[in-house]
Amino acid sequence: MLTFDHYLTPTTLDSAFDALERIPGARIVAGATDLLPWAREGRAGDVHLPALVDVSRIPQLLGVSVERGRVHMGAATPIAAFQNDPLLQRHAPVLGCCAVWFADDQIREQATVGGNLVNASPAGDSQPALLAMNAGVTLARREGGQILERSMPLSEFILAPGQTQLRPHEIMTRLQMDAVPGHGAAFEKVGHRRSLVISTVCLAALVRLDWARRRIEDCRIAIGAVGPVPERLADVERLLVGQAPASELVRQAAGLAADRVRSRSRQEYRREVLVNFVERALAAALGHAGLELVRLPKEASHV
């Protein structure tokens, strides 16, 4: 069970930092969709905190904009915005594909993108989609009365399961990522159920074709839940960029992903699923970009 003495809802970064400095042991929350199950299900035993500091009402942590080819998103943006925000629908379609698989409607309205990242779960569904968009994060802290910021790529922020670059009394304020309005997008996830489940394998893909749809101009594939941190499949991307899209090429590229599984459990299963997901996601992203691949015979597939 989770209990606490105070629940604070600051509306400025300064008041949030005031609370953290005034109450030792206070904990930052936004949607709290991971914190509550963690305590309720007994994984942490009974948890008592002196204060919860809810940062979801701070304006600096809200809002979505597009400037100079980059999407800027507040860290307290709810996952539901991945599907509902018009700017994200146009400039970040892979996030909408991801949100379909993210829990249920109620949790998507409450969970935040920043919370999903700072928890650094190996099965965090938003991580591969954001990684495929070359996302970076901005972190804020207060020193000597001044609010200071530092930024880094998402690929450097997550260090290991449950471990990030976030320092004590530091708050993630926003994310920045490539705007990709011309890309086809796809997201794959497997678990015991469609969405209300921890991922066994998840994958995001982005593909852009040239104007004649004869060459792959850009390809981005990121995976999660098969190792300690999410990662891009750079070798697969290099194989595909500049090439004519074809079913045989996609299948060859998918085969390169098999050795990326580093989970301790169900390795053979995850390898088979991952290879199949890469092939299927690339085909779906190409279809979203306007090119339907000829399906190879099923007996030759990785299913």
C-alpha atoms as a PDB file:
ATOM      1  CA  MET A   1       0.000   0.000   0.000  1.00  0.00           C
ATOM      2  CA  LEU A   2       1.150   3.545  -0.769  1.00  0.00           C
ATOM      3  CA  THR A   3       0.625   6.232   1.865  1.00  0.00           C
ATOM      4  CA  PHE A   4       1.897   9.798   2.098  1.00  0.00           C
ATOM      5  CA  ASP A   5       1.609  12.835   4.366  1.00  0.00           C
ATOM      6  CA  HIS A   6       1.230  15.547   1.730  1.00  0.00           C
ATOM      7  CA  TYR A   7       0.101  15.751  -1.899  1.00  0.00           C
ATOM      8  CA  LEU A   8       1.381  18.954  -3.491  1.00  0.00           C
ATOM      9  CA  THR A   9       0.428  20.391  -6.897  1.00  0.00           C
ATOM     10  CA  PRO A  10       2.913  23.168  -7.747  1.00  0.00           C
ATOM     11  CA  THR A  11       2.241  25.317 -10.797  1.00  0.00           C
ATOM     12  CA  THR A  12       5.798  26.564 -11.294  1.00  0.00           C
ATOM     13  CA  LEU A  13       9.185  24.883 -11.419  1.00  0.00           C
ATOM     14  CA  ASP A  14      10.398  27.066  -8.550  1.00  0.00           C
ATOM     15  CA  SER A  15       7.574  25.918  -6.275  1.00  0.00           C
ATOM     16  CA  ALA A  16       8.293  22.291  -7.209  1.00  0.00           C
ATOM     17  CA  PHE A  17      11.941  22.723  -6.281  1.00  0.00           C
ATOM     18  CA  ASP A  18      10.853  24.490  -3.070  1.00  0.00           C
ATOM     19  CA  ALA A  19       8.874  21.398  -2.099  1.00  0.00           C
ATOM     20  CA  LEU A  20      11.733  19.015  -2.889  1.00  0.00           C
ATOM     21  CA  GLU A  21      14.143  21.070  -0.794  1.00  0.00           C
ATOM     22  CA  ARG A  22      11.704  21.629   2.070  1.00  0.00           C
ATOM     23  CA  ILE A  23      10.536  18.023   2.459  1.00  0.00           C
ATOM     24  CA  PRO A  24      13.322  15.399   2.518  1.00  0.00           C
ATOM     25  CA  GLY A  25      12.210  12.244   0.741  1.00  0.00           C
ATOM     26  CA  ALA A  26       9.488  13.934  -1.314  1.00  0.00           C
ATOM     27  CA  ARG A  27       8.880  12.201  -4.615  1.00  0.00           C
ATOM     28  CA  ILE A  28       8.037  13.694  -8.012  1.00  0.00           C
ATOM     29  CA  VAL A  29       4.975  12.245  -9.762  1.00  0.00           C
ATOM     30  CA  ALA A  30       2.971  13.160 -12.843  1.00  0.00           C
ATOM     31  CA  GLY A  31       0.480  10.437 -13.763  1.00  0.00           C
ATOM     32  CA  ALA A  32       1.612   8.010 -11.001  1.00  0.00           C
ATOM     33  CA  THR A  33       0.449   5.099 -13.162  1.00  0.00           C
ATOM     34  CA  ASP A  34       3.617   3.147 -12.360  1.00  0.00           C
ATOM     35  CA  LEU A  35       3.991   4.269  -8.751  1.00  0.00           C
ATOM     36  CA  LEU A  36       0.580   3.123  -7.555  1.00  0.00           C
ATOM     37  CA  PRO A  37       0.761  -0.458  -8.916  1.00  0.00           C
ATOM     38  CA  TRP A  38       4.326  -0.741  -7.618  1.00  0.00           C
ATOM     39  CA  ALA A  39       3.083  -0.123  -4.089  1.00  0.00           C
ATOM     40  CA  ARG A  40      -0.363  -1.728  -4.364  1.00  0.00           C
ATOM     41  CA  GLU A  41       0.918  -5.030  -5.681  1.00  0.00           C
ATOM     42  CA  GLY A  42       3.430  -5.341  -2.880  1.00  0.00           C
ATOM     43  CA  ARG A  43       6.528  -5.307  -5.050  1.00  0.00           C
ATOM     44  CA  ALA A  44       8.012  -2.660  -2.774  1.00  0.00           C
ATOM     45  CA  GLY A  45       6.220  -3.691   0.388  1.00  0.00           C
ATOM     46  CA  ASP A  46       4.264  -0.982   2.195  1.00  0.00           C
ATOM     47  CA  VAL A  47       5.504   2.388   0.968  1.00  0.00           C
ATOM     48  CA  HIS A  48       5.136   5.611   2.943  1.00  0.00           C
ATOM     49  CA  LEU A  49       6.394   8.872   1.501  1.00  0.00           C
ATOM     50  CA  PRO A  50       6.506  12.240   3.234  1.00  0.00           C
ATOM     51  CA  ALA A  51       5.118  13.955   0.127  1.00  0.00           C
ATOM     52  CA  LEU A  52       4.145  13.465  -3.486  1.00  0.00           C
ATOM     53  CA  VAL A  53       4.935  16.460  -5.696  1.00  0.00           C
ATOM     54  CA  ASP A  54       2.623  16.344  -8.726  1.00  0.00           C
ATOM     55  CA  VAL A  55       4.268  18.324 -11.543  1.00  0.00           C
ATOM     56  CA  SER A  56       1.530  17.752 -14.130  1.00  0.00           C
ATOM     57  CA  ARG A  57       0.177  21.314 -13.782  1.00  0.00           C
ATOM     58  CA  ILE A  58       3.429  23.153 -14.469  1.00  0.00           C
ATOM     59  CA  PRO A  59       3.109  24.972 -17.835  1.00  0.00           C
ATOM     60  CA  GLN A  60       6.769  24.395 -18.771  1.00  0.00           C
ATOM     61  CA  LEU A  61       6.048  20.654 -18.740  1.00  0.00           C
ATOM     62  CA  LEU A  62       3.027  20.870 -21.040  1.00  0.00           C
ATOM     63  CA  GLY A  63       2.299  21.552 -24.688  1.00  0.00           C
ATOM     64  CA  VAL A  64       3.407  20.392 -28.129  1.00  0.00           C
ATOM     65  CA  SER A  65       4.932  22.531 -30.887  1.00  0.00           C
ATOM     66  CA  VAL A  66       6.910  22.088 -34.099  1.00  0.00           C
ATOM     67  CA  GLU A  67       9.821  24.404 -34.878  1.00  0.00           C
ATOM     68  CA  ARG A  68      12.530  24.105 -37.538  1.00  0.00           C
ATOM     69  CA  GLY A  69      11.919  20.448 -38.222  1.00  0.00           C
ATOM     70  CA  ARG A  70      11.810  19.417 -34.561  1.00  0.00           C
ATOM     71  CA  VAL A  71       8.883  18.452 -32.379  1.00  0.00           C
ATOM     72  CA  HIS A  72       8.950  19.918 -28.862  1.00  0.00           C
ATOM     73  CA  MET A  73       6.861  18.156 -26.235  1.00  0.00           C
ATOM     74  CA  GLY A  74       6.401  18.838 -22.534  1.00  0.00           C
ATOM     75  CA  ALA A  75       7.410  15.927 -20.314  1.00  0.00           C
ATOM     76  CA  ALA A  76       3.989  15.939 -18.614  1.00  0.00           C
ATOM     77  CA  THR A  77       2.221  15.395 -21.943  1.00  0.00           C
ATOM     78  CA  PRO A  78      -0.159  12.433 -21.507  1.00  0.00           C
ATOM     79  CA  ILE A  79       0.287   9.380 -23.711  1.00  0.00           C
ATOM     80  CA  ALA A  80      -3.257  10.004 -25.020  1.00  0.00           C
ATOM     81  CA  ALA A  81      -1.887  13.055 -26.866  1.00  0.00           C
ATOM     82  CA  PHE A  82       0.130  10.694 -29.074  1.00  0.00           C
ATOM     83  CA  GLN A  83      -3.200   9.802 -30.694  1.00  0.00           C
ATOM     84  CA  ASN A  84      -5.203  12.991 -30.202  1.00  0.00           C
ATOM     85  CA  ASP A  85      -2.873  15.938 -30.783  1.00  0.00           C
ATOM     86  CA  PRO A  86      -3.064  17.119 -34.445  1.00  0.00           C
ATOM     87  CA  LEU A  87       0.614  18.134 -34.543  1.00  0.00           C
ATOM     88  CA  LEU A  88       1.741  14.735 -33.289  1.00  0.00           C
ATOM     89  CA  GLN A  89      -0.603  12.945 -35.680  1.00  0.00           C
ATOM     90  CA  ARG A  90       1.076  14.721 -38.592  1.00  0.00           C
ATOM     91  CA  HIS A  91       4.691  15.084 -37.477  1.00  0.00           C
ATOM     92  CA  ALA A  92       5.135  12.019 -35.242  1.00  0.00           C
ATOM     93  CA  PRO A  93       2.869   9.251 -36.588  1.00  0.00           C
ATOM     94  CA  VAL A  94       4.846   6.459 -34.923  1.00  0.00           C
ATOM     95  CA  LEU A  95       3.796   7.798 -31.509  1.00  0.00           C
ATOM     96  CA  GLY A  96       0.161   7.274 -32.410  1.00  0.00           C
ATOM     97  CA  CYS A  97       0.964   3.717 -33.514  1.00  0.00           C
ATOM     98  CA  CYS A  98       2.634   3.148 -30.148  1.00  0.00           C
ATOM     99  CA  ALA A  99      -0.233   4.605 -28.097  1.00  0.00           C
ATOM    100  CA  VAL A 100      -2.697   2.090 -29.528  1.00  0.00           C
ATOM    101  CA  TRP A 101      -0.753  -0.606 -27.659  1.00  0.00           C
ATOM    102  CA  PHE A 102      -0.208   1.435 -24.478  1.00  0.00           C
ATOM    103  CA  ALA A 103      -2.451   0.176 -21.652  1.00  0.00           C
ATOM    104  CA  ASP A 104      -6.081   1.368 -21.952  1.00  0.00           C
ATOM    105  CA  ASP A 105      -7.916   4.653 -22.494  1.00  0.00           C
ATOM    106  CA  GLN A 106      -7.946   5.665 -18.825  1.00  0.00           C
ATOM    107  CA  ILE A 107      -4.260   4.986 -18.282  1.00  0.00           C
ATOM    108  CA  ARG A 108      -3.285   6.776 -21.507  1.00  0.00           C
ATOM    109  CA  GLU A 109      -5.110   9.878 -20.255  1.00  0.00           C
ATOM    110  CA  GLN A 110      -3.150   9.773 -16.998  1.00  0.00           C
ATOM    111  CA  ALA A 111       0.302   8.395 -17.867  1.00  0.00           C
ATOM    112  CA  THR A 112       2.889  10.905 -19.077  1.00  0.00           C
ATOM    113  CA  VAL A 113       5.709  10.565 -21.554  1.00  0.00           C
ATOM    114  CA  GLY A 114       8.256  11.840 -19.030  1.00  0.00           C
ATOM    115  CA  GLY A 115       7.129   9.365 -16.405  1.00  0.00           C
ATOM    116  CA  ASN A 116       7.433   6.492 -18.854  1.00  0.00           C
ATOM    117  CA  LEU A 117      11.045   7.506 -19.512  1.00  0.00           C
ATOM    118  CA  VAL A 118      12.319   8.290 -16.021  1.00  0.00           C
ATOM    119  CA  ASN A 119      11.061   4.933 -14.737  1.00  0.00           C
ATOM    120  CA  ALA A 120      13.345   3.300 -17.322  1.00  0.00           C
ATOM    121  CA  SER A 121      11.454   0.045 -17.479  1.00  0.00           C
ATOM    122  CA  PRO A 122      13.074  -2.328 -19.992  1.00  0.00           C
ATOM    123  CA  ALA A 123       9.543  -2.807 -21.367  1.00  0.00           C
ATOM    124  CA  GLY A 124       8.636   0.899 -21.614  1.00  0.00           C
ATOM    125  CA  ASP A 125       6.479   1.070 -24.736  1.00  0.00           C
ATOM    126  CA  SER A 126       7.177   4.708 -25.631  1.00  0.00           C
ATOM    127  CA  GLN A 127      10.962   4.290 -25.619  1.00  0.00           C
ATOM    128  CA  PRO A 128      11.473   2.603 -29.042  1.00  0.00           C
ATOM    129  CA  ALA A 129       9.085   5.043 -30.756  1.00  0.00           C
ATOM    130  CA  LEU A 130      10.868   8.060 -29.284  1.00  0.00           C
ATOM    131  CA  LEU A 131      14.285   6.557 -29.991  1.00  0.00           C
ATOM    132  CA  ALA A 132      13.336   6.101 -33.650  1.00  0.00           C
ATOM    133  CA  MET A 133      12.597   9.835 -33.778  1.00  0.00           C
ATOM    134  CA  ASN A 134      16.061  10.752 -32.428  1.00  0.00           C
ATOM    135  CA  ALA A 135      14.481  12.114 -29.263  1.00  0.00           C
ATOM    136  CA  GLY A 136      16.425  14.069 -26.694  1.00  0.00           C
ATOM    137  CA  VAL A 137      15.440  15.071 -23.162  1.00  0.00           C
ATOM    138  CA  THR A 138      15.915  18.268 -21.172  1.00  0.00           C
ATOM    139  CA  LEU A 139      16.446  18.100 -17.408  1.00  0.00           C
ATOM    140  CA  ALA A 140      16.136  21.019 -14.979  1.00  0.00           C
ATOM    141  CA  ARG A 141      17.638  21.576 -11.537  1.00  0.00           C
ATOM    142  CA  ARG A 142      17.979  24.576  -9.223  1.00  0.00           C
ATOM    143  CA  GLU A 143      21.342  25.773  -8.001  1.00  0.00           C
ATOM    144  CA  GLY A 144      21.990  29.019  -6.150  1.00  0.00           C
ATOM    145  CA  GLY A 145      18.437  30.134  -6.772  1.00  0.00           C
ATOM    146  CA  GLN A 146      18.787  29.710 -10.536  1.00  0.00           C
ATOM    147  CA  ILE A 147      17.081  27.044 -12.660  1.00  0.00           C
ATOM    148  CA  LEU A 148      19.680  25.356 -14.857  1.00  0.00           C
ATOM    149  CA  GLU A 149      19.043  22.956 -17.717  1.00  0.00           C
ATOM    150  CA  ARG A 150      20.972  20.237 -19.487  1.00  0.00           C
ATOM    151  CA  SER A 151      19.994  18.191 -22.518  1.00  0.00           C
ATOM    152  CA  MET A 152      21.066  14.824 -23.884  1.00  0.00           C
ATOM    153  CA  PRO A 153      19.932  12.207 -26.387  1.00  0.00           C
ATOM    154  CA  LEU A 154      17.409   9.703 -25.090  1.00  0.00           C
ATOM    155  CA  SER A 155      19.886   6.979 -26.077  1.00  0.00           C
ATOM    156  CA  GLU A 156      22.244   8.321 -23.382  1.00  0.00           C
ATOM    157  CA  PHE A 157      19.603   9.090 -20.752  1.00  0.00           C
ATOM    158  CA  ILE A 158      18.538   5.500 -20.012  1.00  0.00           C
ATOM    159  CA  LEU A 159      21.477   3.611 -18.520  1.00  0.00           C
ATOM    160  CA  ALA A 160      19.987   0.307 -17.332  1.00  0.00           C
ATOM    161  CA  PRO A 161      16.683  -1.043 -16.005  1.00  0.00           C
ATOM    162  CA  GLY A 162      15.430   1.559 -13.545  1.00  0.00           C
ATOM    163  CA  GLN A 163      18.565   3.696 -13.951  1.00  0.00           C
ATOM    164  CA  THR A 164      18.828   7.002 -15.784  1.00  0.00           C
ATOM    165  CA  GLN A 165      20.961  10.129 -15.870  1.00  0.00           C
ATOM    166  CA  LEU A 166      18.391  11.932 -13.707  1.00  0.00           C
ATOM    167  CA  ARG A 167      20.031  13.405 -10.602  1.00  0.00           C
ATOM    168  CA  PRO A 168      18.386  13.944  -7.192  1.00  0.00           C
ATOM    169  CA  HIS A 169      16.079  16.993  -7.216  1.00  0.00           C
ATOM    170  CA  GLU A 170      16.187  17.112 -11.013  1.00  0.00           C
ATOM    171  CA  ILE A 171      13.043  17.209 -13.161  1.00  0.00           C
ATOM    172  CA  MET A 172      12.580  16.214 -16.797  1.00  0.00           C
ATOM    173  CA  THR A 173      10.875  19.188 -18.412  1.00  0.00           C
ATOM    174  CA  ARG A 174      10.582  18.455 -22.143  1.00  0.00           C
ATOM    175  CA  LEU A 175      11.578  16.336 -25.097  1.00  0.00           C
ATOM    176  CA  GLN A 176      12.764  17.270 -28.581  1.00  0.00           C
ATOM    177  CA  MET A 177      12.631  14.958 -31.586  1.00  0.00           C
ATOM    178  CA  ASP A 178      12.697  14.926 -35.382  1.00  0.00           C
ATOM    179  CA  ALA A 179       9.498  15.872 -37.163  1.00  0.00           C
ATOM    180  CA  VAL A 180       8.809  13.076 -39.666  1.00  0.00           C
ATOM    181  CA  PRO A 181       5.610  14.017 -41.535  1.00  0.00           C
ATOM    182  CA  GLY A 182       6.556  12.103 -44.704  1.00  0.00           C
ATOM    183  CA  HIS A 183       7.478   8.807 -43.077  1.00  0.00           C
ATOM    184  CA  GLY A 184       5.470   5.616 -42.938  1.00  0.00           C
ATOM    185  CA  ALA A 185       5.203   4.310 -39.393  1.00  0.00           C
ATOM    186  CA  ALA A 186       4.523   1.039 -37.593  1.00  0.00           C
ATOM    187  CA  PHE A 187       4.671  -0.339 -34.059  1.00  0.00           C
ATOM    188  CA  GLU A 188       4.646  -3.943 -32.899  1.00  0.00           C
ATOM    189  CA  LYS A 189       4.230  -5.376 -29.408  1.00  0.00           C
ATOM    190  CA  VAL A 190       3.655  -8.804 -27.962  1.00  0.00           C
ATOM    191  CA  GLY A 191       2.582  -9.909 -24.522  1.00  0.00           C
ATOM    192  CA  HIS A 192      -0.059 -12.141 -22.994  1.00  0.00           C
ATOM    193  CA  ARG A 193      -2.720  -9.590 -23.924  1.00  0.00           C
ATOM    194  CA  ARG A 194      -2.941  -6.732 -26.440  1.00  0.00           C
ATOM    195  CA  SER A 195      -2.271  -3.684 -24.270  1.00  0.00           C
ATOM    196  CA  LEU A 196      -2.707  -4.230 -20.530  1.00  0.00           C
ATOM    197  CA  VAL A 197       0.505  -6.171 -20.365  1.00  0.00           C
ATOM    198  CA  ILE A 198       4.241  -5.749 -19.953  1.00  0.00           C
ATOM    199  CA  SER A 199       5.938  -6.094 -23.325  1.00  0.00           C
ATOM    200  CA  THR A 200       7.905  -9.204 -24.152  1.00  0.00           C
ATOM    201  CA  VAL A 201       9.062  -7.574 -27.388  1.00  0.00           C
ATOM    202  CA  CYS A 202       8.187  -4.140 -28.779  1.00  0.00           C
ATOM    203  CA  LEU A 203       9.439  -2.380 -31.881  1.00  0.00           C
ATOM    204  CA  ALA A 204       8.956   0.921 -33.731  1.00  0.00           C
ATOM    205  CA  ALA A 205       9.731   1.505 -37.412  1.00  0.00           C
ATOM    206  CA  LEU A 206       9.853   4.612 -39.602  1.00  0.00           C
ATOM    207  CA  VAL A 207      10.469   4.561 -43.361  1.00  0.00           C
ATOM    208  CA  ARG A 208      10.587   7.352 -45.966  1.00  0.00           C
ATOM    209  CA  LEU A 209      10.620   6.653 -49.693  1.00  0.00           C
ATOM    210  CA  ASP A 210      11.877   8.896 -52.499  1.00  0.00           C
ATOM    211  CA  TRP A 211       9.343  10.758 -54.628  1.00  0.00           C
ATOM    212  CA  ALA A 212       9.108   7.899 -57.131  1.00  0.00           C
ATOM    213  CA  ARG A 213       8.835   5.271 -54.363  1.00  0.00           C
ATOM    214  CA  ARG A 214      11.798   3.424 -55.837  1.00  0.00           C
ATOM    215  CA  ARG A 215      14.341   3.894 -53.050  1.00  0.00           C
ATOM    216  CA  ILE A 216      14.335   3.941 -49.280  1.00  0.00           C
ATOM    217  CA  GLU A 217      15.621   7.383 -48.311  1.00  0.00           C
ATOM    218  CA  ASP A 218      15.423   6.948 -44.543  1.00  0.00           C
ATOM    219  CA  CYS A 219      14.821   3.978 -42.270  1.00  0.00           C
ATOM    220  CA  ARG A 220      14.713   3.882 -38.479  1.00  0.00           C
ATOM    221  CA  ILE A 221      14.024   0.832 -36.333  1.00  0.00           C
ATOM    222  CA  ALA A 222      14.174   0.743 -32.544  1.00  0.00           C
ATOM    223  CA  ILE A 223      13.476  -2.170 -30.231  1.00  0.00           C
ATOM    224  CA  GLY A 224      12.619  -2.616 -26.575  1.00  0.00           C
ATOM    225  CA  ALA A 225      11.992  -5.313 -23.960  1.00  0.00           C
ATOM    226  CA  VAL A 226      14.640  -7.659 -25.394  1.00  0.00           C
ATOM    227  CA  GLY A 227      17.578  -6.181 -23.497  1.00  0.00           C
ATOM    228  CA  PRO A 228      18.359  -3.863 -20.586  1.00  0.00           C
ATOM    229  CA  VAL A 229      17.836  -0.676 -22.621  1.00  0.00           C
ATOM    230  CA  PRO A 230      16.053   0.179 -25.876  1.00  0.00           C
ATOM    231  CA  GLU A 231      18.265   0.421 -28.945  1.00  0.00           C
ATOM    232  CA  ARG A 232      18.303   1.291 -32.621  1.00  0.00           C
ATOM    233  CA  LEU A 233      19.033  -1.435 -35.182  1.00  0.00           C
ATOM    234  CA  ALA A 234      21.708   0.558 -36.980  1.00  0.00           C
ATOM    235  CA  ASP A 235      22.944  -2.352 -39.092  1.00  0.00           C
ATOM    236  CA  VAL A 236      19.437  -3.052 -40.367  1.00  0.00           C
ATOM    237  CA  GLU A 237      18.952   0.621 -41.163  1.00  0.00           C
ATOM    238  CA  ARG A 238      22.243   0.792 -43.088  1.00  0.00           C
ATOM    239  CA  LEU A 239      21.328  -2.246 -45.159  1.00  0.00           C
ATOM    240  CA  LEU A 240      18.018  -0.732 -46.249  1.00  0.00           C
ATOM    241  CA  VAL A 241      18.798   2.952 -46.847  1.00  0.00           C
ATOM    242  CA  GLY A 242      19.418   3.686 -50.504  1.00  0.00           C
ATOM    243  CA  GLN A 243      18.027   0.360 -51.658  1.00  0.00           C
ATOM    244  CA  ALA A 244      14.960  -0.465 -53.723  1.00  0.00           C
ATOM    245  CA  PRO A 245      12.284  -1.796 -51.353  1.00  0.00           C
ATOM    246  CA  ALA A 246      11.628  -5.484 -51.932  1.00  0.00           C
ATOM    247  CA  SER A 247      10.268  -8.352 -49.861  1.00  0.00           C
ATOM    248  CA  GLU A 248      13.521 -10.311 -50.114  1.00  0.00           C
ATOM    249  CA  LEU A 249      15.557  -7.341 -48.902  1.00  0.00           C
ATOM    250  CA  VAL A 250      13.215  -6.737 -45.970  1.00  0.00           C
ATOM    251  CA  ARG A 251      13.439 -10.389 -44.945  1.00  0.00           C
ATOM    252  CA  GLN A 252      17.239 -10.303 -45.167  1.00  0.00           C
ATOM    253  CA  ALA A 253      17.323  -7.178 -43.015  1.00  0.00           C
ATOM    254  CA  ALA A 254      15.002  -8.727 -40.446  1.00  0.00           C
ATOM    255  CA  GLY A 255      17.352 -11.668 -40.008  1.00  0.00           C
ATOM    256  CA  LEU A 256      20.058  -9.334 -38.721  1.00  0.00           C
ATOM    257  CA  ALA A 257      18.006  -8.589 -35.618  1.00  0.00           C
ATOM    258  CA  ALA A 258      18.129 -12.081 -34.105  1.00  0.00           C
ATOM    259  CA  ASP A 259      21.327 -11.546 -32.123  1.00  0.00           C
ATOM    260  CA  ARG A 260      20.032  -8.403 -30.395  1.00  0.00           C
ATOM    261  CA  VAL A 261      18.087 -10.338 -27.762  1.00  0.00           C
ATOM    262  CA  ARG A 262      19.888 -10.095 -24.410  1.00  0.00           C
ATOM    263  CA  SER A 263      17.046 -10.792 -22.020  1.00  0.00           C
ATOM    264  CA  ARG A 264      17.654 -13.484 -19.430  1.00  0.00           C
ATOM    265  CA  SER A 265      14.378 -15.304 -20.098  1.00  0.00           C
ATOM    266  CA  ARG A 266      12.621 -16.731 -23.175  1.00  0.00           C
ATOM    267  CA  GLN A 267      15.526 -15.886 -25.463  1.00  0.00           C
ATOM    268  CA  GLU A 268      14.646 -18.220 -28.321  1.00  0.00           C
ATOM    269  CA  TYR A 269      11.048 -17.065 -28.300  1.00  0.00           C
ATOM    270  CA  ARG A 270      12.096 -13.421 -28.282  1.00  0.00           C
ATOM    271  CA  ARG A 271      14.514 -13.982 -31.194  1.00  0.00           C
ATOM    272  CA  GLU A 272      11.809 -15.530 -33.328  1.00  0.00           C
ATOM    273  CA  VAL A 273       9.310 -12.807 -32.462  1.00  0.00           C
ATOM    274  CA  LEU A 274      11.826  -9.998 -33.001  1.00  0.00           C
ATOM    275  CA  VAL A 275      12.847 -11.165 -36.478  1.00  0.00           C
ATOM    276  CA  ASN A 276       9.210 -11.547 -37.458  1.00  0.00           C
ATOM    277  CA  PHE A 277       8.335  -8.136 -36.000  1.00  0.00           C
ATOM    278  CA  VAL A 278      11.113  -6.375 -37.920  1.00  0.00           C
ATOM    279  CA  GLU A 279       9.867  -7.870 -41.180  1.00  0.00           C
ATOM    280  CA  ARG A 280       6.229  -7.137 -40.422  1.00  0.00           C
ATOM    281  CA  ALA A 281       6.841  -3.591 -39.143  1.00  0.00           C
ATOM    282  CA  LEU A 282       8.949  -2.674 -42.179  1.00  0.00           C
ATOM    283  CA  ALA A 283       6.253  -3.977 -44.500  1.00  0.00           C
ATOM    284  CA  ALA A 284       3.604  -2.034 -42.585  1.00  0.00           C
ATOM    285  CA  ALA A 285       5.672   1.174 -42.554  1.00  0.00           C
ATOM    286  CA  LEU A 286       6.285   0.861 -46.302  1.00  0.00           C
ATOM    287  CA  GLY A 287       2.571   0.346 -46.799  1.00  0.00           C
ATOM    288  CA  HIS A 288       1.867   3.446 -44.720  1.00  0.00           C
ATOM    289  CA  ALA A 289       4.315   5.313 -46.960  1.00  0.00           C
ATOM    290  CA  GLY A 290       2.382   4.169 -50.035  1.00  0.00           C
ATOM    291  CA  LEU A 291       4.160   1.006 -51.185  1.00  0.00           C
ATOM    292  CA  GLU A 292       2.710  -2.473 -50.729  1.00  0.00           C
ATOM    293  CA  LEU A 293       5.293  -5.268 -50.778  1.00  0.00           C
ATOM    294  CA  VAL A 294       4.611  -8.586 -52.430  1.00  0.00           C
ATOM    295  CA  ARG A 295       4.143 -11.123 -49.639  1.00  0.00           C
ATOM    296  CA  LEU A 296       6.627 -13.992 -49.622  1.00  0.00           C
ATOM    297  CA  PRO A 297       5.326 -17.538 -49.198  1.00  0.00           C
ATOM    298  CA  LYS A 298       4.413 -18.211 -45.608  1.00  0.00           C
ATOM    299  CA  GLU A 299       6.559 -21.323 -45.376  1.00  0.00           C
ATOM    300  CA  ALA A 300       9.623 -19.155 -45.988  1.00  0.00           C
ATOM    301  CA  SER A 301       8.732 -16.659 -43.279  1.00  0.00           C
ATOM    302  CA  HIS A 302       9.861 -16.415 -39.669  1.00  0.00           C
ATOM    303  CA  VAL A 303       6.353 -16.871 -38.260  1.00  0.00           C
END
